[in-house]
C-alpha atoms as a PDB file:
ATOM      1  CA  MET A   1     189.114-110.520  84.601  1.00  0.00           C
ATOM      2  CA  SER A   2     190.503-108.801  87.703  1.00  0.00           C
ATOM      3  CA  VAL A   3     192.480-105.596  87.432  1.00  0.00           C
ATOM      4  CA  THR A   4     195.119-104.574  89.957  1.00  0.00           C
ATOM      5  CA  PRO A   5     195.026-100.892  91.022  1.00  0.00           C
ATOM      6  CA  THR A   6     198.119 -98.932  89.965  1.00  0.00           C
ATOM      7  CA  LYS A   7     197.627 -95.683  91.901  1.00  0.00           C
ATOM      8  CA  VAL A   8     198.527 -95.855  95.594  1.00  0.00           C
ATOM      9  CA  ASN A   9     197.084 -93.381  98.096  1.00  0.00           C
ATOM     10  CA  LYS A  10     200.151 -91.659  99.499  1.00  0.00           C
ATOM     11  CA  ILE A  11     201.439 -88.581 101.279  1.00  0.00           C
ATOM     12  CA  VAL A  12     205.027 -87.331 100.997  1.00  0.00           C
ATOM     13  CA  VAL A  13     206.056 -84.904 103.756  1.00  0.00           C
ATOM     14  CA  TYR A  14     209.130 -82.661 103.749  1.00  0.00           C
ATOM     15  CA  GLU A  15     211.202 -81.001 106.418  1.00  0.00           C
ATOM     16  CA  PHE A  16     211.402 -77.613 104.673  1.00  0.00           C
ATOM     17  CA  PRO A  17     209.223 -75.546 102.296  1.00  0.00           C
ATOM     18  CA  ASP A  18     209.414 -76.178  98.535  1.00  0.00           C
ATOM     19  CA  PHE A  19     209.803 -79.927  99.070  1.00  0.00           C
ATOM     20  CA  LYS A  20     213.331 -79.703 100.440  1.00  0.00           C
ATOM     21  CA  GLY A  21     215.191 -81.313 103.298  1.00  0.00           C
ATOM     22  CA  LEU A  22     214.428 -84.705 104.793  1.00  0.00           C
ATOM     23  CA  LYS A  23     211.285 -86.459 103.582  1.00  0.00           C
ATOM     24  CA  ARG A  24     209.057 -89.384 104.485  1.00  0.00           C
ATOM     25  CA  GLU A  25     206.367 -91.239 102.538  1.00  0.00           C
ATOM     26  CA  PHE A  26     203.274 -92.832 104.061  1.00  0.00           C
ATOM     27  CA  ILE A  27     200.468 -94.974 102.640  1.00  0.00           C
ATOM     28  CA  SER A  28     198.504 -95.497 105.871  1.00  0.00           C
ATOM     29  CA  ASP A  29     197.685 -93.691 109.130  1.00  0.00           C
ATOM     30  CA  VAL A  30     200.538 -92.478 111.312  1.00  0.00           C
ATOM     31  CA  LYS A  31     199.303 -92.074 114.877  1.00  0.00           C
ATOM     32  CA  ASP A  32     202.577 -90.765 116.298  1.00  0.00           C
ATOM     33  CA  LEU A  33     205.272 -89.160 114.152  1.00  0.00           C
ATOM     34  CA  ARG A  34     207.673 -89.272 117.087  1.00  0.00           C
ATOM     35  CA  GLU A  35     208.014 -93.005 116.546  1.00  0.00           C
ATOM     36  CA  ILE A  36     209.687 -92.394 113.175  1.00  0.00           C
ATOM     37  CA  SER A  37     211.550 -89.254 114.253  1.00  0.00           C
ATOM     38  CA  PHE A  38     209.538 -86.853 112.093  1.00  0.00           C
ATOM     39  CA  ASN A  39     207.456 -85.000 114.686  1.00  0.00           C
ATOM     40  CA  ASP A  40     206.839 -81.228 114.504  1.00  0.00           C
ATOM     41  CA  CYS A  41     209.034 -80.709 111.442  1.00  0.00           C
ATOM     42  CA  ILE A  42     206.758 -80.777 108.355  1.00  0.00           C
ATOM     43  CA  CYS A  43     206.702 -77.624 106.187  1.00  0.00           C
ATOM     44  CA  SER A  44     205.594 -78.900 102.753  1.00  0.00           C
ATOM     45  CA  LEU A  45     203.873 -81.985 101.406  1.00  0.00           C
ATOM     46  CA  ILE A  46     202.467 -83.799  98.365  1.00  0.00           C
ATOM     47  CA  VAL A  47     199.228 -85.796  98.384  1.00  0.00           C
ATOM     48  CA  ILE A  48     198.561 -88.507  95.803  1.00  0.00           C
ATOM     49  CA  GLY A  49     195.082 -90.021  95.663  1.00  0.00           C
ATOM     50  CA  GLN A  50     192.711 -89.749  98.627  1.00  0.00           C
ATOM     51  CA  PRO A  51     192.785 -86.801 101.079  1.00  0.00           C
ATOM     52  CA  TRP A  52     194.845 -86.801 104.274  1.00  0.00           C
ATOM     53  CA  ILE A  53     194.206 -85.071 107.599  1.00  0.00           C
ATOM     54  CA  ALA A  54     197.141 -83.613 109.536  1.00  0.00           C
ATOM     55  CA  TYR A  55     196.776 -83.208 113.326  1.00  0.00           C
ATOM     56  CA  GLU A  56     198.522 -81.066 115.881  1.00  0.00           C
ATOM     57  CA  HIS A  57     198.902 -83.869 118.435  1.00  0.00           C
ATOM     58  CA  ILE A  58     199.536 -87.586 118.388  1.00  0.00           C
ATOM     59  CA  GLN A  59     196.580 -89.992 118.117  1.00  0.00           C
ATOM     60  CA  PHE A  60     194.752 -87.526 115.812  1.00  0.00           C
ATOM     61  CA  GLY A  61     194.277 -84.897 118.494  1.00  0.00           C
ATOM     62  CA  GLY A  62     194.306 -81.082 118.578  1.00  0.00           C
ATOM     63  CA  TRP A  63     193.584 -78.878 115.594  1.00  0.00           C
ATOM     64  CA  LEU A  64     193.429 -80.420 112.117  1.00  0.00           C
ATOM     65  CA  ARG A  65     194.152 -79.415 108.526  1.00  0.00           C
ATOM     66  CA  GLU A  66     192.874 -81.252 105.460  1.00  0.00           C
ATOM     67  CA  TYR A  67     194.957 -81.847 102.328  1.00  0.00           C
ATOM     68  CA  GLU A  68     193.449 -83.119  99.090  1.00  0.00           C
ATOM     69  CA  GLU A  69     195.395 -84.402  96.083  1.00  0.00           C
ATOM     70  CA  GLY A  70     197.997 -81.851  95.035  1.00  0.00           C
ATOM     71  CA  GLU A  71     201.261 -80.174  95.962  1.00  0.00           C
ATOM     72  CA  TYR A  72     201.594 -77.875  98.982  1.00  0.00           C
ATOM     73  CA  SER A  73     204.947 -76.119  98.826  1.00  0.00           C
ATOM     74  CA  ASN A  74     204.446 -74.096 102.015  1.00  0.00           C
ATOM     75  CA  ILE A  75     201.767 -75.313 104.410  1.00  0.00           C
ATOM     76  CA  GLU A  76     199.822 -72.958 106.630  1.00  0.00           C
ATOM     77  CA  ILE A  77     201.429 -73.910 109.933  1.00  0.00           C
ATOM     78  CA  HIS A  78     205.040 -75.100 110.009  1.00  0.00           C
ATOM     79  CA  ASP A  79     206.605 -77.630 112.379  1.00  0.00           C
ATOM     80  CA  THR A  80     203.424 -78.544 114.278  1.00  0.00           C
ATOM     81  CA  ILE A  81     202.129 -81.837 112.790  1.00  0.00           C
ATOM     82  CA  SER A  82     202.283 -84.916 115.019  1.00  0.00           C
ATOM     83  CA  SER A  83     199.928 -87.434 113.347  1.00  0.00           C
ATOM     84  CA  LEU A  84     198.469 -88.138 109.882  1.00  0.00           C
ATOM     85  CA  GLN A  85     195.234 -89.835 108.874  1.00  0.00           C
ATOM     86  CA  LEU A  86     194.292 -91.193 105.437  1.00  0.00           C
ATOM     87  CA  ILE A  87     190.648 -90.730 104.410  1.00  0.00           C
ATOM     88  CA  THR A  88     189.628 -94.076 102.931  1.00  0.00           C
ATOM     89  CA  ASP A  89     185.868 -93.355 102.715  1.00  0.00           C
ATOM     90  CA  ASP A  90     183.952 -93.479  99.446  1.00  0.00           C
ATOM     91  CA  LEU A  91     183.679 -89.750  98.719  1.00  0.00           C
ATOM     92  CA  ARG A  92     181.114 -89.979  95.931  1.00  0.00           C
ATOM     93  CA  ASN A  93     177.625 -88.498  96.435  1.00  0.00           C
ATOM     94  CA  PRO A  94     178.355 -86.830  99.797  1.00  0.00           C
ATOM     95  CA  LYS A  95     175.460 -86.105 102.154  1.00  0.00           C
ATOM     96  CA  ILE A  96     175.307 -84.621 105.652  1.00  0.00           C
ATOM     97  CA  THR A  97     172.441 -83.404 107.843  1.00  0.00           C
ATOM     98  CA  ILE A  98     173.085 -80.828 110.565  1.00  0.00           C
ATOM     99  CA  TYR A  99     170.678 -80.182 113.454  1.00  0.00           C
ATOM    100  CA  GLU A 100     169.857 -77.098 115.469  1.00  0.00           C
ATOM    101  CA  HIS A 101     170.022 -78.836 118.873  1.00  0.00           C
ATOM    102  CA  PRO A 102     172.002 -81.696 120.417  1.00  0.00           C
ATOM    103  CA  ASN A 103     170.791 -85.272 119.896  1.00  0.00           C
ATOM    104  CA  TYR A 104     169.539 -84.488 116.368  1.00  0.00           C
ATOM    105  CA  LYS A 105     166.648 -82.325 117.477  1.00  0.00           C
ATOM    106  CA  GLY A 106     165.184 -79.035 116.352  1.00  0.00           C
ATOM    107  CA  LYS A 107     165.418 -77.621 112.860  1.00  0.00           C
ATOM    108  CA  ASN A 108     167.651 -79.521 110.429  1.00  0.00           C
ATOM    109  CA  GLN A 109     169.081 -79.097 106.973  1.00  0.00           C
ATOM    110  CA  THR A 110     170.710 -81.567 104.561  1.00  0.00           C
ATOM    111  CA  PHE A 111     173.643 -80.710 102.278  1.00  0.00           C
ATOM    112  CA  THR A 112     175.231 -82.500  99.346  1.00  0.00           C
ATOM    113  CA  GLU A 113     177.790 -79.892  98.268  1.00  0.00           C
ATOM    114  CA  GLU A 114     180.082 -77.169  99.555  1.00  0.00           C
ATOM    115  CA  THR A 115     178.008 -74.458 101.254  1.00  0.00           C
ATOM    116  CA  ASN A 116     178.542 -71.091 102.929  1.00  0.00           C
ATOM    117  CA  LEU A 117     175.952 -71.023 105.709  1.00  0.00           C
ATOM    118  CA  CYS A 118     176.257 -67.246 105.949  1.00  0.00           C
ATOM    119  CA  TYR A 119     174.121 -67.076 102.820  1.00  0.00           C
ATOM    120  CA  GLY A 120     171.239 -68.968 104.418  1.00  0.00           C
ATOM    121  CA  ASN A 121     169.327 -69.299 107.656  1.00  0.00           C
ATOM    122  CA  PHE A 122     171.443 -71.941 109.421  1.00  0.00           C
ATOM    123  CA  ASN A 123     174.613 -69.972 110.155  1.00  0.00           C
ATOM    124  CA  THR A 124     176.149 -70.615 113.617  1.00  0.00           C
ATOM    125  CA  MET A 125     173.142 -72.741 114.625  1.00  0.00           C
ATOM    126  CA  ALA A 126     174.310 -76.360 114.338  1.00  0.00           C
ATOM    127  CA  SER A 127     174.733 -78.515 117.443  1.00  0.00           C
ATOM    128  CA  SER A 128     174.806 -82.081 116.044  1.00  0.00           C
ATOM    129  CA  HIS A 129     175.074 -83.948 112.743  1.00  0.00           C
ATOM    130  CA  ILE A 130     174.578 -87.237 110.922  1.00  0.00           C
ATOM    131  CA  VAL A 131     176.781 -88.098 107.928  1.00  0.00           C
ATOM    132  CA  GLU A 132     175.192 -90.397 105.387  1.00  0.00           C
ATOM    133  CA  LYS A 133     177.933 -90.357 102.754  1.00  0.00           C
ATOM    134  CA  GLY A 134     181.374 -88.902 102.199  1.00  0.00           C
ATOM    135  CA  ALA A 135     183.738 -87.075 104.543  1.00  0.00           C
ATOM    136  CA  TRP A 136     183.099 -83.444 105.447  1.00  0.00           C
ATOM    137  CA  ILE A 137     184.997 -80.560 107.018  1.00  0.00           C
ATOM    138  CA  LEU A 138     182.888 -78.171 109.129  1.00  0.00           C
ATOM    139  CA  TYR A 139     184.435 -74.722 109.655  1.00  0.00           C
ATOM    140  CA  GLU A 140     183.931 -72.060 112.265  1.00  0.00           C
ATOM    141  CA  ASN A 141     184.456 -69.187 109.838  1.00  0.00           C
ATOM    142  CA  ALA A 142     183.036 -68.584 106.376  1.00  0.00           C
ATOM    143  CA  ASN A 143     186.546 -68.102 104.965  1.00  0.00           C
ATOM    144  CA  ARG A 144     187.333 -71.724 105.916  1.00  0.00           C
ATOM    145  CA  ARG A 145     189.415 -70.683 108.884  1.00  0.00           C
ATOM    146  CA  GLY A 146     189.141 -70.980 112.632  1.00  0.00           C
ATOM    147  CA  GLN A 147     188.191 -74.161 114.434  1.00  0.00           C
ATOM    148  CA  ARG A 148     187.148 -77.080 112.240  1.00  0.00           C
ATOM    149  CA  ILE A 149     186.056 -80.683 112.649  1.00  0.00           C
ATOM    150  CA  LEU A 150     186.092 -83.779 110.444  1.00  0.00           C
ATOM    151  CA  ALA A 151     182.788 -85.625 109.904  1.00  0.00           C
ATOM    152  CA  ARG A 152     182.969 -89.055 108.228  1.00  0.00           C
ATOM    153  CA  ALA A 153     180.446 -91.408 106.628  1.00  0.00           C
ATOM    154  CA  GLY A 154     178.247 -93.229 109.128  1.00  0.00           C
ATOM    155  CA  GLU A 155     179.135 -90.818 111.913  1.00  0.00           C
ATOM    156  CA  ARG A 156     176.487 -89.542 114.334  1.00  0.00           C
ATOM    157  CA  PHE A 157     177.807 -86.677 116.463  1.00  0.00           C
ATOM    158  CA  ALA A 158     175.183 -85.927 119.107  1.00  0.00           C
ATOM    159  CA  ASP A 159     176.538 -82.830 120.854  1.00  0.00           C
ATOM    160  CA  TYR A 160     179.052 -80.265 119.574  1.00  0.00           C
ATOM    161  CA  GLY A 161     179.122 -78.787 123.065  1.00  0.00           C
ATOM    162  CA  LYS A 162     181.417 -81.610 124.174  1.00  0.00           C
ATOM    163  CA  ILE A 163     184.184 -80.235 121.926  1.00  0.00           C
ATOM    164  CA  GLY A 164     183.357 -76.545 122.253  1.00  0.00           C
ATOM    165  CA  PHE A 165     181.890 -76.336 118.766  1.00  0.00           C
ATOM    166  CA  ASN A 166     178.245 -75.616 119.552  1.00  0.00           C
ATOM    167  CA  ASP A 167     176.594 -72.919 117.371  1.00  0.00           C
ATOM    168  CA  LYS A 168     179.822 -72.248 115.477  1.00  0.00           C
ATOM    169  CA  VAL A 169     179.509 -73.837 112.020  1.00  0.00           C
ATOM    170  CA  SER A 170     179.541 -71.223 109.246  1.00  0.00           C
ATOM    171  CA  TYR A 171     180.877 -73.248 106.323  1.00  0.00           C
ATOM    172  CA  LEU A 172     180.983 -76.898 105.312  1.00  0.00           C
ATOM    173  CA  ARG A 173     182.359 -78.837 102.387  1.00  0.00           C
ATOM    174  CA  PRO A 174     182.838 -82.466 101.339  1.00  0.00           C
ATOM    175  CA  LEU A 175     186.376 -83.689 100.770  1.00  0.00           C
ATOM    176  CA  LYS A 176     187.210 -84.560  97.175  1.00  0.00           C
ATOM    177  CA  ALA A 177     188.582 -87.914  96.100  1.00  0.00           C
ATOM    178  CA  GLY A 178     191.866 -88.124  94.265  1.00  0.00           C
ATOM    179  CA  CYS A 179     191.716 -87.822  90.498  1.00  0.00           C
ATOM    180  CA  ALA A 180     190.583 -91.040  88.839  1.00  0.00           C
ATOM    181  CA  ILE A 181     192.739 -92.929  86.352  1.00  0.00           C
ATOM    182  CA  VAL A 182     190.665 -93.942  83.335  1.00  0.00           C
ATOM    183  CA  LYS A 183     191.650 -96.435  80.656  1.00  0.00           C
ATOM    184  CA  SER A 184     189.489 -96.987  77.602  1.00  0.00           C
ATOM    185  CA  ASN A 185     188.791 -99.941  75.357  1.00  0.00           C
ATOM    186  CA  VAL A 186     186.948 -99.014  72.158  1.00  0.00           C
ATOM    187  CA  LEU A 187     184.821-101.994  71.125  1.00  0.00           C
ATOM    188  CA  TRP A 188     185.309-101.660  67.375  1.00  0.00           C
ATOM    189  CA  ASP A 189     183.807-105.090  66.681  1.00  0.00           C
ATOM    190  CA  LYS A 190     180.483-103.720  67.929  1.00  0.00           C
ATOM    191  CA  MET A 191     180.517-100.618  65.708  1.00  0.00           C
ATOM    192  CA  LYS A 192     177.136 -99.814  64.137  1.00  0.00           C
ATOM    193  CA  LYS A 193     176.468 -97.580  61.155  1.00  0.00           C
ATOM    194  CA  GLU A 194     173.694 -95.093  61.927  1.00  0.00           C
ATOM    195  CA  ASN A 195     173.367 -93.416  58.533  1.00  0.00           C
ATOM    196  CA  GLU A 196     175.239 -92.757  55.298  1.00  0.00           C
ATOM    197  CA  ILE A 197     174.591 -90.051  52.719  1.00  0.00           C
ATOM    198  CA  CYS A 198     176.384 -88.829  49.595  1.00  0.00           C
ATOM    199  CA  PHE A 199     176.048 -85.253  48.395  1.00  0.00           C
ATOM    200  CA  MET A 200     177.560 -82.964  45.772  1.00  0.00           C
ATOM    201  CA  VAL A 201     180.121 -80.423  46.901  1.00  0.00           C
ATOM    202  CA  ASP A 202     181.318 -79.126  43.533  1.00  0.00           C
ATOM    203  CA  GLU A 203     180.872 -79.442  39.775  1.00  0.00           C
ATOM    204  CA  PHE A 204     183.117 -78.751  36.774  1.00  0.00           C
ATOM    205  CA  ILE A 205     182.042 -78.681  33.128  1.00  0.00           C
ATOM    206  CA  GLY A 206     184.480 -78.669  30.246  1.00  0.00           C
ATOM    207  CA  VAL A 207     183.368 -78.266  26.634  1.00  0.00           C
ATOM    208  CA  ASN A 208     185.598 -78.827  23.596  1.00  0.00           C
ATOM    209  CA  ARG A 209     183.886 -78.033  20.262  1.00  0.00           C
ATOM    210  CA  SER A 210     187.112 -78.137  18.243  1.00  0.00           C
ATOM    211  CA  ASP A 211     188.754 -80.916  16.262  1.00  0.00           C
ATOM    212  CA  PHE A 212     191.718 -81.053  18.669  1.00  0.00           C
ATOM    213  CA  GLU A 213     192.299 -81.988  22.328  1.00  0.00           C
ATOM    214  CA  GLN A 214     192.129 -79.083  24.716  1.00  0.00           C
ATOM    215  CA  GLU A 215     193.652 -78.505  28.131  1.00  0.00           C
ATOM    216  CA  PHE A 216     191.183 -78.653  31.008  1.00  0.00           C
ATOM    217  CA  SER A 217     190.906 -75.333  32.837  1.00  0.00           C
ATOM    218  CA  SER A 218     191.894 -76.860  36.205  1.00  0.00           C
ATOM    219  CA  ARG A 219     194.300 -79.715  36.941  1.00  0.00           C
ATOM    220  CA  SER A 220     193.315 -80.185  40.598  1.00  0.00           C
ATOM    221  CA  LYS A 221     191.143 -78.793  43.394  1.00  0.00           C
ATOM    222  CA  GLU A 222     191.584 -78.892  47.173  1.00  0.00           C
ATOM    223  CA  TYR A 223     188.782 -79.809  49.580  1.00  0.00           C
ATOM    224  CA  GLU A 224     188.472 -80.127  53.334  1.00  0.00           C
ATOM    225  CA  SER A 225     187.662 -83.455  54.921  1.00  0.00           C
ATOM    226  CA  SER A 226     186.762 -83.950  58.575  1.00  0.00           C
ATOM    227  CA  VAL A 227     185.870 -86.431  61.288  1.00  0.00           C
ATOM    228  CA  THR A 228     184.042 -85.334  64.443  1.00  0.00           C
ATOM    229  CA  TYR A 229     184.173 -87.533  67.525  1.00  0.00           C
ATOM    230  CA  ASP A 230     181.515 -87.011  70.165  1.00  0.00           C
ATOM    231  CA  PHE A 231     181.874 -88.971  73.403  1.00  0.00           C
ATOM    232  CA  LYS A 232     178.888 -89.568  75.658  1.00  0.00           C
ATOM    233  CA  PHE A 233     179.312 -90.694  79.246  1.00  0.00           C
ATOM    234  CA  SER A 234     176.647 -92.847  80.846  1.00  0.00           C
ATOM    235  CA  ASN A 235     174.088 -91.139  83.062  1.00  0.00           C
ATOM    236  CA  THR A 236     175.511 -92.974  86.070  1.00  0.00           C
ATOM    237  CA  THR A 237     179.189 -92.195  85.416  1.00  0.00           C
ATOM    238  CA  THR A 238     181.477 -91.715  88.407  1.00  0.00           C
ATOM    239  CA  ILE A 239     184.031 -89.809  86.318  1.00  0.00           C
ATOM    240  CA  GLU A 240     184.252 -86.173  87.362  1.00  0.00           C
ATOM    241  CA  ALA A 241     185.008 -83.056  85.320  1.00  0.00           C
ATOM    242  CA  GLY A 242     188.674 -82.610  84.484  1.00  0.00           C
ATOM    243  CA  VAL A 243     189.513 -86.307  84.149  1.00  0.00           C
ATOM    244  CA  GLU A 244     191.268 -87.001  80.839  1.00  0.00           C
ATOM    245  CA  PHE A 245     191.840 -90.224  78.922  1.00  0.00           C
ATOM    246  CA  LYS A 246     192.730 -91.363  75.408  1.00  0.00           C
ATOM    247  CA  LEU A 247     190.672 -93.240  72.839  1.00  0.00           C
ATOM    248  CA  MET A 248     192.608 -95.369  70.362  1.00  0.00           C
ATOM    249  CA  LEU A 249     191.384 -95.080  66.763  1.00  0.00           C
ATOM    250  CA  ILE A 250     191.517 -97.311  63.720  1.00  0.00           C
ATOM    251  CA  PRO A 251     192.458 -96.024  60.233  1.00  0.00           C
ATOM    252  CA  SER A 252     188.902 -96.166  58.888  1.00  0.00           C
ATOM    253  CA  VAL A 253     187.750 -93.465  61.332  1.00  0.00           C
ATOM    254  CA  SER A 254     190.851 -91.239  61.427  1.00  0.00           C
ATOM    255  CA  ILE A 255     192.323 -88.768  58.951  1.00  0.00           C
ATOM    256  CA  LYS A 256     195.395 -87.864  60.972  1.00  0.00           C
ATOM    257  CA  ILE A 257     198.705 -89.622  61.500  1.00  0.00           C
ATOM    258  CA  SER A 258     197.891 -89.795  65.222  1.00  0.00           C
ATOM    259  CA  ASN A 259     195.979 -92.927  66.142  1.00  0.00           C
ATOM    260  CA  SER A 260     194.326 -91.520  69.256  1.00  0.00           C
ATOM    261  CA  ILE A 261     192.276 -88.601  70.568  1.00  0.00           C
ATOM    262  CA  SER A 262     192.107 -87.142  74.079  1.00  0.00           C
ATOM    263  CA  ILE A 263     188.780 -86.803  75.885  1.00  0.00           C
ATOM    264  CA  GLU A 264     188.450 -84.576  78.961  1.00  0.00           C
ATOM    265  CA  LYS A 265     185.255 -84.778  80.985  1.00  0.00           C
ATOM    266  CA  GLY A 266     183.439 -81.453  80.996  1.00  0.00           C
ATOM    267  CA  LYS A 267     185.804 -79.742  78.559  1.00  0.00           C
ATOM    268  CA  SER A 268     186.663 -81.606  75.354  1.00  0.00           C
ATOM    269  CA  GLU A 269     184.083 -84.326  74.936  1.00  0.00           C
ATOM    270  CA  THR A 270     183.777 -83.397  71.246  1.00  0.00           C
ATOM    271  CA  VAL A 271     186.884 -83.444  69.044  1.00  0.00           C
ATOM    272  CA  THR A 272     187.132 -82.629  65.327  1.00  0.00           C
ATOM    273  CA  GLN A 273     190.006 -83.635  63.048  1.00  0.00           C
ATOM    274  CA  ARG A 274     190.391 -81.747  59.773  1.00  0.00           C
ATOM    275  CA  ASP A 275     192.552 -82.378  56.728  1.00  0.00           C
ATOM    276  CA  ARG A 276     192.979 -81.173  53.154  1.00  0.00           C
ATOM    277  CA  PHE A 277     192.347 -83.466  50.176  1.00  0.00           C
ATOM    278  CA  GLN A 278     193.715 -82.814  46.674  1.00  0.00           C
ATOM    279  CA  LEU A 279     191.427 -84.048  43.892  1.00  0.00           C
ATOM    280  CA  THR A 280     193.107 -84.545  40.498  1.00  0.00           C
ATOM    281  CA  LEU A 281     191.056 -83.584  37.435  1.00  0.00           C
ATOM    282  CA  PRO A 282     191.470 -84.814  33.817  1.00  0.00           C
ATOM    283  CA  ALA A 283     194.289 -83.058  31.964  1.00  0.00           C
ATOM    284  CA  LYS A 284     192.656 -82.958  28.523  1.00  0.00           C
ATOM    285  CA  ILE A 285     189.221 -82.897  26.906  1.00  0.00           C
ATOM    286  CA  PRO A 286     188.812 -84.963  23.708  1.00  0.00           C
ATOM    287  CA  PRO A 287     187.530 -83.238  20.529  1.00  0.00           C
ATOM    288  CA  HIS A 288     183.797 -82.529  20.299  1.00  0.00           C
ATOM    289  CA  THR A 289     183.237 -83.636  23.881  1.00  0.00           C
ATOM    290  CA  LYS A 290     181.539 -82.251  26.954  1.00  0.00           C
ATOM    291  CA  ILE A 291     182.889 -83.496  30.293  1.00  0.00           C
ATOM    292  CA  THR A 292     180.972 -83.082  33.559  1.00  0.00           C
ATOM    293  CA  ILE A 293     182.877 -83.742  36.795  1.00  0.00           C
ATOM    294  CA  THR A 294     180.750 -83.979  39.930  1.00  0.00           C
ATOM    295  CA  VAL A 295     182.684 -83.865  43.209  1.00  0.00           C
ATOM    296  CA  MET A 296     180.939 -85.922  45.897  1.00  0.00           C
ATOM    297  CA  LYS A 297     181.421 -86.296  49.625  1.00  0.00           C
ATOM    298  CA  LYS A 298     180.279 -89.320  51.565  1.00  0.00           C
ATOM    299  CA  ALA A 299     179.158 -88.634  55.135  1.00  0.00           C
ATOM    300  CA  VAL A 300     178.840 -91.571  57.496  1.00  0.00           C
ATOM    301  CA  THR A 301     177.867 -91.674  61.169  1.00  0.00           C
ATOM    302  CA  VAL A 302     178.906 -94.684  63.233  1.00  0.00           C
ATOM    303  CA  ILE A 303     178.406 -95.465  66.922  1.00  0.00           C
ATOM    304  CA  ILE A 304     180.876 -97.525  68.944  1.00  0.00           C
ATOM    305  CA  PRO A 305     180.525 -98.608  72.600  1.00  0.00           C
ATOM    306  CA  VAL A 306     183.534 -97.861  74.820  1.00  0.00           C
ATOM    307  CA  GLU A 307     184.483 -99.741  77.963  1.00  0.00           C
ATOM    308  CA  LEU A 308     186.033 -97.521  80.645  1.00  0.00           C
ATOM    309  CA  THR A 309     188.117 -98.920  83.493  1.00  0.00           C
ATOM    310  CA  VAL A 310     188.023 -96.385  86.332  1.00  0.00           C
ATOM    311  CA  GLU A 311     190.566 -96.581  89.143  1.00  0.00           C
ATOM    312  CA  GLN A 312     189.953 -94.419  92.217  1.00  0.00           C
ATOM    313  CA  ASN A 313     190.762 -94.899  95.885  1.00  0.00           C
ATOM    314  CA  GLN A 314     192.491 -98.185  94.988  1.00  0.00           C
ATOM    315  CA  LYS A 315     189.213 -99.594  93.664  1.00  0.00           C
ATOM    316  CA  ILE A 316     188.438-100.617  90.092  1.00  0.00           C
ATOM    317  CA  THR A 317     185.046-100.123  88.456  1.00  0.00           C
ATOM    318  CA  ILE A 318     183.896-100.714  84.900  1.00  0.00           C
ATOM    319  CA  GLU A 319     181.471 -98.426  83.118  1.00  0.00           C
ATOM    320  CA  TYR A 320     180.509 -97.773  79.516  1.00  0.00           C
ATOM    321  CA  GLY A 321     180.296 -94.774  77.240  1.00  0.00           C
ATOM    322  CA  GLU A 322     179.505 -94.209  73.574  1.00  0.00           C
ATOM    323  CA  LEU A 323     181.690 -92.798  70.802  1.00  0.00           C
ATOM    324  CA  ARG A 324     179.852 -91.244  67.877  1.00  0.00           C
ATOM    325  CA  CYS A 325     181.942 -90.595  64.746  1.00  0.00           C
ATOM    326  CA  GLN A 326     180.604 -88.277  62.051  1.00  0.00           C
ATOM    327  CA  MET A 327     182.875 -88.815  59.086  1.00  0.00           C
ATOM    328  CA  GLY A 328     182.999 -86.585  56.040  1.00  0.00           C
ATOM    329  CA  SER A 329     186.442 -87.735  54.985  1.00  0.00           C
ATOM    330  CA  THR A 330     185.630 -89.578  51.729  1.00  0.00           C
ATOM    331  CA  ILE A 331     185.747 -87.252  48.712  1.00  0.00           C
ATOM    332  CA  TYR A 332     185.588 -88.592  45.185  1.00  0.00           C
ATOM    333  CA  ALA A 333     184.689 -87.549  41.648  1.00  0.00           C
ATOM    334  CA  GLU A 334     182.087 -88.891  39.223  1.00  0.00           C
ATOM    335  CA  TYR A 335     182.771 -88.358  35.518  1.00  0.00           C
ATOM    336  CA  ASP A 336     180.339 -88.088  32.632  1.00  0.00           C
ATOM    337  CA  SER A 337     181.202 -87.324  28.999  1.00  0.00           C
ATOM    338  CA  GLU A 338     179.075 -86.860  25.908  1.00  0.00           C
ATOM    339  CA  LYS A 339     179.818 -86.135  22.283  1.00  0.00           C
ATOM    340  CA  ILE A 340     178.697 -82.774  20.907  1.00  0.00           C
END
């Protein structure tokens, strides 16, 4: 079954700071903002989905500034943007190799994450690069300022000297993809019971040696019940920390009115629901009788596969996770009486 992406990569640009004044929306590259009468007037912007690159001149020329998903109420340089470029590359598993000399010669070093070269032995030494995956920004200064260049997947740049960037790189980082949209489908029909145990949590004994009924010392007792949900992502998941989605529950594994729980990658992958349960005890003890009430709790662990539909960069992928439910929500009493 095919799934149509719902999140469109888009940039919304505004004439004034704080998202005020005239605005325009774009979903693809704009080589010349003059053609739509919006040149050199952008002061704030909103990015949805993949990153965008803003350029000083038309045809993606001059200095550049990168904008990842988010809101920018007051951009660094007002009224100077003349073209916009959408980064459509697959930004997962970024990898770049920089070289000491032009034409990929001399010492080299490979990077897969954001790095301050001032902390190593390759600061202001790079003269060429090869990008294997992702899209990278290379900065002149360690504070991510000064001259910068964009390096995209598959690119081989043989000589920084041609753009006046030789021996200048002090910082580099891969651009981040827009936040993924994740929808879950809990496959309840494939639920498997891992184990089940019953254990005693309390005991009451009432003894009546008289010829008349007696009131039991307690009419009821309150106990806590709980269900713990532990979600495990696959080892090959593409979902990054911070992405949140809901799991729909069925009554047999929930003790709350809510029929769903929220899972956030890297933060709340384990969720516990708690509730109070009132156990009613016998009101009276018959004559010459001993009553023993044993309060039991049943603990069950079940495992359910979960299908995750991940939408990112207008592409849909399917992956699987596992929901483990540890349920201690069933509390009951066993009664035993004997004549004395």
